[in-house]
Amino acid sequence: MKTKTNLSLAISLIALALSVTLFVIKPNNGKTEEKIPIKAEAGNNAGIKIAYINADTIMSNYLLVEELMQTLTDKGAKMEKELQRKQSQYESDAAYFQEQVNKGSISEQSAREIYEKLMLKEQEIYQLRDKYSQEMMTLEAEMNKKLLDNVSRFLRAHNNFTYDYVLNYTYNGDILLTNPDYDITSFVLDGLNKEYNESKEK
């Protein structure tokens, strides 16, 4: 489990977290928070009102993303270190065992018993690797939910009937063309980072 893999998992987390194609925006029960701006006059016309956020920009600049990636990387590095320690010990024991067999310094019965113990150790390492992999997947899912919840909550809290839908745009996503007049990314990103900084100051 390499650090590069950990970073890849972190990036995967953010990509998944921002892969929702559509947010249905509902009223915020009369709260007086700053509302999402309508950037184009057309947004005031009758009918469905739509805006979008650039998920790639959120991924690159949302401070929470950096925190989540660091947490994921640190967790993966700790697991990798433990796996390497156990793997190194296993390889050392296996090498010593082979040396003793080659020298003929242990009986066939003892060799069989030691070999079986080595196989159990090897199996334990495989099981631990699977366990850590599952833990990383669970952590990814939890972080994914946290990020999605934050973005969705922010949009709902600041919408106040401004938009009926907020689309999610990514470079390699399903939306191929966007009108910058309906891009509310900066507003959302600034608000999310403001909330993040305020939560850290408490």
C-alpha atoms as a PDB file:
ATOM      1  CA  MET A   1       0.000   0.000   0.000  1.00  0.00           C
ATOM      2  CA  LYS A   2       2.022   2.951  -1.278  1.00  0.00           C
ATOM      3  CA  THR A   3       1.674   6.660  -0.451  1.00  0.00           C
ATOM      4  CA  LYS A   4       0.881   7.231  -4.109  1.00  0.00           C
ATOM      5  CA  THR A   5      -2.021   4.816  -3.726  1.00  0.00           C
ATOM      6  CA  ASN A   6      -3.219   6.734  -0.684  1.00  0.00           C
ATOM      7  CA  LEU A   7      -3.208   9.993  -2.619  1.00  0.00           C
ATOM      8  CA  SER A   8      -5.030   8.276  -5.443  1.00  0.00           C
ATOM      9  CA  LEU A   9      -7.664   7.115  -2.972  1.00  0.00           C
ATOM     10  CA  ALA A  10      -7.984  10.642  -1.646  1.00  0.00           C
ATOM     11  CA  ILE A  11      -8.449  12.057  -5.115  1.00  0.00           C
ATOM     12  CA  SER A  12     -10.969   9.304  -5.794  1.00  0.00           C
ATOM     13  CA  LEU A  13     -12.808  10.344  -2.657  1.00  0.00           C
ATOM     14  CA  ILE A  14     -13.180  13.924  -3.796  1.00  0.00           C
ATOM     15  CA  ALA A  15     -14.139  12.933  -7.322  1.00  0.00           C
ATOM     16  CA  LEU A  16     -16.855  10.679  -5.926  1.00  0.00           C
ATOM     17  CA  ALA A  17     -17.986  13.329  -3.484  1.00  0.00           C
ATOM     18  CA  LEU A  18     -18.551  15.799  -6.283  1.00  0.00           C
ATOM     19  CA  SER A  19     -19.960  13.354  -8.821  1.00  0.00           C
ATOM     20  CA  VAL A  20     -23.591  14.109  -8.024  1.00  0.00           C
ATOM     21  CA  THR A  21     -25.067  15.519 -11.215  1.00  0.00           C
ATOM     22  CA  LEU A  22     -28.005  17.396  -9.692  1.00  0.00           C
ATOM     23  CA  PHE A  23     -28.848  19.182  -6.441  1.00  0.00           C
ATOM     24  CA  VAL A  24     -32.545  19.939  -5.929  1.00  0.00           C
ATOM     25  CA  ILE A  25     -32.583  23.180  -3.949  1.00  0.00           C
ATOM     26  CA  LYS A  26     -35.327  23.751  -1.387  1.00  0.00           C
ATOM     27  CA  PRO A  27     -36.311  26.782   0.737  1.00  0.00           C
ATOM     28  CA  ASN A  28     -34.307  27.499   3.901  1.00  0.00           C
ATOM     29  CA  ASN A  29     -37.220  28.223   6.245  1.00  0.00           C
ATOM     30  CA  GLY A  30     -36.797  31.973   6.292  1.00  0.00           C
ATOM     31  CA  LYS A  31     -33.175  32.195   7.452  1.00  0.00           C
ATOM     32  CA  THR A  32     -31.475  35.522   6.773  1.00  0.00           C
ATOM     33  CA  GLU A  33     -28.146  34.168   5.528  1.00  0.00           C
ATOM     34  CA  GLU A  34     -26.533  35.572   2.384  1.00  0.00           C
ATOM     35  CA  LYS A  35     -28.260  34.102  -0.649  1.00  0.00           C
ATOM     36  CA  ILE A  36     -26.831  32.660  -3.829  1.00  0.00           C
ATOM     37  CA  PRO A  37     -26.650  35.506  -6.335  1.00  0.00           C
ATOM     38  CA  ILE A  38     -28.519  35.417  -9.621  1.00  0.00           C
ATOM     39  CA  LYS A  39     -25.769  36.223 -12.102  1.00  0.00           C
ATOM     40  CA  ALA A  40     -27.874  36.488 -15.220  1.00  0.00           C
ATOM     41  CA  GLU A  41     -31.115  38.370 -15.829  1.00  0.00           C
ATOM     42  CA  ALA A  42     -32.471  35.276 -17.541  1.00  0.00           C
ATOM     43  CA  GLY A  43     -32.390  33.537 -14.186  1.00  0.00           C
ATOM     44  CA  ASN A  44     -35.319  35.702 -13.083  1.00  0.00           C
ATOM     45  CA  ASN A  45     -37.605  34.586 -15.887  1.00  0.00           C
ATOM     46  CA  ALA A  46     -40.524  32.282 -15.280  1.00  0.00           C
ATOM     47  CA  GLY A  47     -39.804  28.581 -15.487  1.00  0.00           C
ATOM     48  CA  ILE A  48     -36.986  26.453 -14.131  1.00  0.00           C
ATOM     49  CA  LYS A  49     -33.954  28.401 -12.883  1.00  0.00           C
ATOM     50  CA  ILE A  50     -30.619  26.579 -13.105  1.00  0.00           C
ATOM     51  CA  ALA A  51     -27.037  27.333 -12.024  1.00  0.00           C
ATOM     52  CA  TYR A  52     -23.928  25.194 -11.744  1.00  0.00           C
ATOM     53  CA  ILE A  53     -20.760  24.752  -9.703  1.00  0.00           C
ATOM     54  CA  ASN A  54     -17.383  23.642 -11.035  1.00  0.00           C
ATOM     55  CA  ALA A  55     -16.483  20.528  -9.059  1.00  0.00           C
ATOM     56  CA  ASP A  56     -12.851  20.638 -10.200  1.00  0.00           C
ATOM     57  CA  THR A  57     -12.457  24.100  -8.689  1.00  0.00           C
ATOM     58  CA  ILE A  58     -14.102  23.012  -5.455  1.00  0.00           C
ATOM     59  CA  MET A  59     -11.807  19.989  -5.300  1.00  0.00           C
ATOM     60  CA  SER A  60      -8.710  22.130  -5.820  1.00  0.00           C
ATOM     61  CA  ASN A  61      -9.556  24.982  -3.474  1.00  0.00           C
ATOM     62  CA  TYR A  62     -11.943  23.827  -0.742  1.00  0.00           C
ATOM     63  CA  LEU A  63      -9.920  23.740   2.489  1.00  0.00           C
ATOM     64  CA  LEU A  64     -11.850  20.759   3.792  1.00  0.00           C
ATOM     65  CA  VAL A  65     -10.613  18.719   0.832  1.00  0.00           C
ATOM     66  CA  GLU A  66      -7.003  19.326   1.873  1.00  0.00           C
ATOM     67  CA  GLU A  67      -7.816  18.221   5.410  1.00  0.00           C
ATOM     68  CA  LEU A  68      -9.588  15.069   4.223  1.00  0.00           C
ATOM     69  CA  MET A  69      -6.734  14.165   1.898  1.00  0.00           C
ATOM     70  CA  GLN A  70      -4.192  14.615   4.697  1.00  0.00           C
ATOM     71  CA  THR A  71      -6.236  12.455   7.053  1.00  0.00           C
ATOM     72  CA  LEU A  72      -6.530   9.738   4.430  1.00  0.00           C
ATOM     73  CA  THR A  73      -2.813   9.916   3.612  1.00  0.00           C
ATOM     74  CA  ASP A  74      -1.770   9.751   7.277  1.00  0.00           C
ATOM     75  CA  LYS A  75      -4.054   6.793   7.908  1.00  0.00           C
ATOM     76  CA  GLY A  76      -2.737   4.959   4.851  1.00  0.00           C
ATOM     77  CA  ALA A  77       0.887   5.650   5.805  1.00  0.00           C
ATOM     78  CA  LYS A  78       0.325   4.243   9.292  1.00  0.00           C
ATOM     79  CA  MET A  79      -1.219   1.084   7.875  1.00  0.00           C
ATOM     80  CA  GLU A  80       1.567   0.731   5.314  1.00  0.00           C
ATOM     81  CA  LYS A  81       4.203   1.020   8.029  1.00  0.00           C
ATOM     82  CA  GLU A  82       2.559  -1.716  10.080  1.00  0.00           C
ATOM     83  CA  LEU A  83       2.258  -4.012   7.055  1.00  0.00           C
ATOM     84  CA  GLN A  84       5.892  -3.433   6.136  1.00  0.00           C
ATOM     85  CA  ARG A  85       6.971  -4.246   9.696  1.00  0.00           C
ATOM     86  CA  LYS A  86       5.091  -7.542   9.709  1.00  0.00           C
ATOM     87  CA  GLN A  87       6.233  -8.392   6.178  1.00  0.00           C
ATOM     88  CA  SER A  88       9.855  -7.703   7.102  1.00  0.00           C
ATOM     89  CA  GLN A  89       9.608  -9.902  10.191  1.00  0.00           C
ATOM     90  CA  TYR A  90       8.030 -12.684   8.162  1.00  0.00           C
ATOM     91  CA  GLU A  91      10.740 -12.531   5.493  1.00  0.00           C
ATOM     92  CA  SER A  92      13.450 -12.582   8.166  1.00  0.00           C
ATOM     93  CA  ASP A  93      11.915 -15.643   9.862  1.00  0.00           C
ATOM     94  CA  ALA A  94      11.456 -17.399   6.512  1.00  0.00           C
ATOM     95  CA  ALA A  95      15.071 -16.725   5.524  1.00  0.00           C
ATOM     96  CA  TYR A  96      16.361 -18.050   8.849  1.00  0.00           C
ATOM     97  CA  PHE A  97      14.185 -21.132   8.511  1.00  0.00           C
ATOM     98  CA  GLN A  98      15.495 -21.830   5.014  1.00  0.00           C
ATOM     99  CA  GLU A  99      19.052 -21.413   6.245  1.00  0.00           C
ATOM    100  CA  GLN A 100      18.516 -23.947   9.023  1.00  0.00           C
ATOM    101  CA  VAL A 101      16.920 -26.410   6.610  1.00  0.00           C
ATOM    102  CA  ASN A 102      19.845 -26.080   4.214  1.00  0.00           C
ATOM    103  CA  LYS A 103      22.271 -26.747   7.044  1.00  0.00           C
ATOM    104  CA  GLY A 104      20.267 -29.769   8.153  1.00  0.00           C
ATOM    105  CA  SER A 105      20.260 -28.420  11.706  1.00  0.00           C
ATOM    106  CA  ILE A 106      16.590 -29.100  12.417  1.00  0.00           C
ATOM    107  CA  SER A 107      14.581 -32.294  12.258  1.00  0.00           C
ATOM    108  CA  GLU A 108      11.957 -32.973   9.639  1.00  0.00           C
ATOM    109  CA  GLN A 109       9.227 -32.731  12.271  1.00  0.00           C
ATOM    110  CA  SER A 110      10.491 -29.363  13.523  1.00  0.00           C
ATOM    111  CA  ALA A 111      10.821 -28.096   9.975  1.00  0.00           C
ATOM    112  CA  ARG A 112       7.232 -29.050   9.258  1.00  0.00           C
ATOM    113  CA  GLU A 113       5.980 -27.258  12.379  1.00  0.00           C
ATOM    114  CA  ILE A 114       7.994 -24.110  11.683  1.00  0.00           C
ATOM    115  CA  TYR A 115       6.829 -24.101   8.075  1.00  0.00           C
ATOM    116  CA  GLU A 116       3.191 -24.282   9.176  1.00  0.00           C
ATOM    117  CA  LYS A 117       3.739 -21.361  11.561  1.00  0.00           C
ATOM    118  CA  LEU A 118       5.296 -19.350   8.760  1.00  0.00           C
ATOM    119  CA  MET A 119       2.311 -20.050   6.541  1.00  0.00           C
ATOM    120  CA  LEU A 120      -0.001 -18.834   9.296  1.00  0.00           C
ATOM    121  CA  LYS A 121       2.008 -15.628   9.599  1.00  0.00           C
ATOM    122  CA  GLU A 122       1.798 -15.116   5.875  1.00  0.00           C
ATOM    123  CA  GLN A 123      -1.956 -15.640   5.973  1.00  0.00           C
ATOM    124  CA  GLU A 124      -2.249 -13.137   8.828  1.00  0.00           C
ATOM    125  CA  ILE A 125      -0.455 -10.546   6.722  1.00  0.00           C
ATOM    126  CA  TYR A 126      -2.883 -11.107   3.836  1.00  0.00           C
ATOM    127  CA  GLN A 127      -5.833 -10.799   6.212  1.00  0.00           C
ATOM    128  CA  LEU A 128      -4.428  -7.631   7.752  1.00  0.00           C
ATOM    129  CA  ARG A 129      -3.933  -6.131   4.294  1.00  0.00           C
ATOM    130  CA  ASP A 130      -7.566  -6.919   3.462  1.00  0.00           C
ATOM    131  CA  LYS A 131      -8.690  -5.448   6.791  1.00  0.00           C
ATOM    132  CA  TYR A 132      -6.773  -2.221   6.201  1.00  0.00           C
ATOM    133  CA  SER A 133      -8.113  -1.993   2.672  1.00  0.00           C
ATOM    134  CA  GLN A 134     -11.668  -2.256   3.995  1.00  0.00           C
ATOM    135  CA  GLU A 135     -10.950   0.382   6.641  1.00  0.00           C
ATOM    136  CA  MET A 136      -9.679   2.743   3.967  1.00  0.00           C
ATOM    137  CA  MET A 137     -12.793   2.175   1.877  1.00  0.00           C
ATOM    138  CA  THR A 138     -14.978   2.894   4.913  1.00  0.00           C
ATOM    139  CA  LEU A 139     -13.027   6.053   5.679  1.00  0.00           C
ATOM    140  CA  GLU A 140     -13.382   7.153   2.056  1.00  0.00           C
ATOM    141  CA  ALA A 141     -17.137   6.640   2.232  1.00  0.00           C
ATOM    142  CA  GLU A 142     -17.403   8.636   5.456  1.00  0.00           C
ATOM    143  CA  MET A 143     -15.357  11.500   4.026  1.00  0.00           C
ATOM    144  CA  ASN A 144     -17.322  11.351   0.805  1.00  0.00           C
ATOM    145  CA  LYS A 145     -20.566  11.749   2.735  1.00  0.00           C
ATOM    146  CA  LYS A 146     -19.164  14.592   4.813  1.00  0.00           C
ATOM    147  CA  LEU A 147     -18.100  16.533   1.747  1.00  0.00           C
ATOM    148  CA  LEU A 148     -21.382  15.949  -0.070  1.00  0.00           C
ATOM    149  CA  ASP A 149     -23.370  16.932   3.007  1.00  0.00           C
ATOM    150  CA  ASN A 150     -21.402  20.160   3.386  1.00  0.00           C
ATOM    151  CA  VAL A 151     -21.879  21.256  -0.215  1.00  0.00           C
ATOM    152  CA  SER A 152     -25.540  20.249  -0.330  1.00  0.00           C
ATOM    153  CA  ARG A 153     -26.304  21.898   3.029  1.00  0.00           C
ATOM    154  CA  PHE A 154     -24.596  25.123   1.966  1.00  0.00           C
ATOM    155  CA  LEU A 155     -26.599  25.291  -1.266  1.00  0.00           C
ATOM    156  CA  ARG A 156     -29.880  24.724   0.518  1.00  0.00           C
ATOM    157  CA  ALA A 157     -29.090  27.236   3.268  1.00  0.00           C
ATOM    158  CA  HIS A 158     -28.225  30.017   0.808  1.00  0.00           C
ATOM    159  CA  ASN A 159     -30.703  29.390  -2.003  1.00  0.00           C
ATOM    160  CA  ASN A 160     -34.042  30.877  -0.868  1.00  0.00           C
ATOM    161  CA  PHE A 161     -35.805  29.987  -4.155  1.00  0.00           C
ATOM    162  CA  THR A 162     -33.031  31.554  -6.248  1.00  0.00           C
ATOM    163  CA  TYR A 163     -32.510  28.340  -8.240  1.00  0.00           C
ATOM    164  CA  ASP A 164     -34.549  25.206  -8.737  1.00  0.00           C
ATOM    165  CA  TYR A 165     -31.493  23.131  -9.647  1.00  0.00           C
ATOM    166  CA  VAL A 166     -27.729  23.447  -9.251  1.00  0.00           C
ATOM    167  CA  LEU A 167     -25.806  21.272 -11.692  1.00  0.00           C
ATOM    168  CA  ASN A 168     -22.401  19.757 -11.072  1.00  0.00           C
ATOM    169  CA  TYR A 169     -19.812  20.461 -13.775  1.00  0.00           C
ATOM    170  CA  THR A 170     -16.532  18.561 -14.157  1.00  0.00           C
ATOM    171  CA  TYR A 171     -14.069  18.624 -17.032  1.00  0.00           C
ATOM    172  CA  ASN A 172     -14.696  14.991 -17.960  1.00  0.00           C
ATOM    173  CA  GLY A 173     -18.337  14.872 -16.873  1.00  0.00           C
ATOM    174  CA  ASP A 174     -21.626  14.662 -18.756  1.00  0.00           C
ATOM    175  CA  ILE A 175     -22.086  18.429 -19.164  1.00  0.00           C
ATOM    176  CA  LEU A 176     -20.150  19.512 -22.253  1.00  0.00           C
ATOM    177  CA  LEU A 177     -20.993  23.225 -22.397  1.00  0.00           C
ATOM    178  CA  THR A 178     -21.686  25.823 -19.704  1.00  0.00           C
ATOM    179  CA  ASN A 179     -22.650  29.487 -19.650  1.00  0.00           C
ATOM    180  CA  PRO A 180     -20.364  31.362 -17.202  1.00  0.00           C
ATOM    181  CA  ASP A 181     -23.259  33.672 -16.320  1.00  0.00           C
ATOM    182  CA  TYR A 182     -24.758  30.804 -14.330  1.00  0.00           C
ATOM    183  CA  ASP A 183     -21.516  29.764 -12.597  1.00  0.00           C
ATOM    184  CA  ILE A 184     -21.890  30.188  -8.824  1.00  0.00           C
ATOM    185  CA  THR A 185     -18.674  28.340  -7.951  1.00  0.00           C
ATOM    186  CA  SER A 186     -16.887  31.338  -6.448  1.00  0.00           C
ATOM    187  CA  PHE A 187     -19.808  32.155  -4.180  1.00  0.00           C
ATOM    188  CA  VAL A 188     -20.081  28.565  -2.984  1.00  0.00           C
ATOM    189  CA  LEU A 189     -16.327  28.088  -2.554  1.00  0.00           C
ATOM    190  CA  ASP A 190     -15.878  31.333  -0.623  1.00  0.00           C
ATOM    191  CA  GLY A 191     -18.789  30.434   1.633  1.00  0.00           C
ATOM    192  CA  LEU A 192     -17.547  26.902   2.285  1.00  0.00           C
ATOM    193  CA  ASN A 193     -14.039  28.092   3.129  1.00  0.00           C
ATOM    194  CA  LYS A 194     -15.427  30.824   5.379  1.00  0.00           C
ATOM    195  CA  GLU A 195     -17.421  28.220   7.282  1.00  0.00           C
ATOM    196  CA  TYR A 196     -14.367  25.951   7.452  1.00  0.00           C
ATOM    197  CA  ASN A 197     -12.151  28.692   8.905  1.00  0.00           C
ATOM    198  CA  GLU A 198     -14.793  29.714  11.406  1.00  0.00           C
ATOM    199  CA  SER A 199     -15.169  26.115  12.592  1.00  0.00           C
ATOM    200  CA  LYS A 200     -11.410  25.890  13.149  1.00  0.00           C
ATOM    201  CA  GLU A 201     -11.381  29.075  15.197  1.00  0.00           C
ATOM    202  CA  LYS A 202     -13.994  27.759  17.637  1.00  0.00           C
END
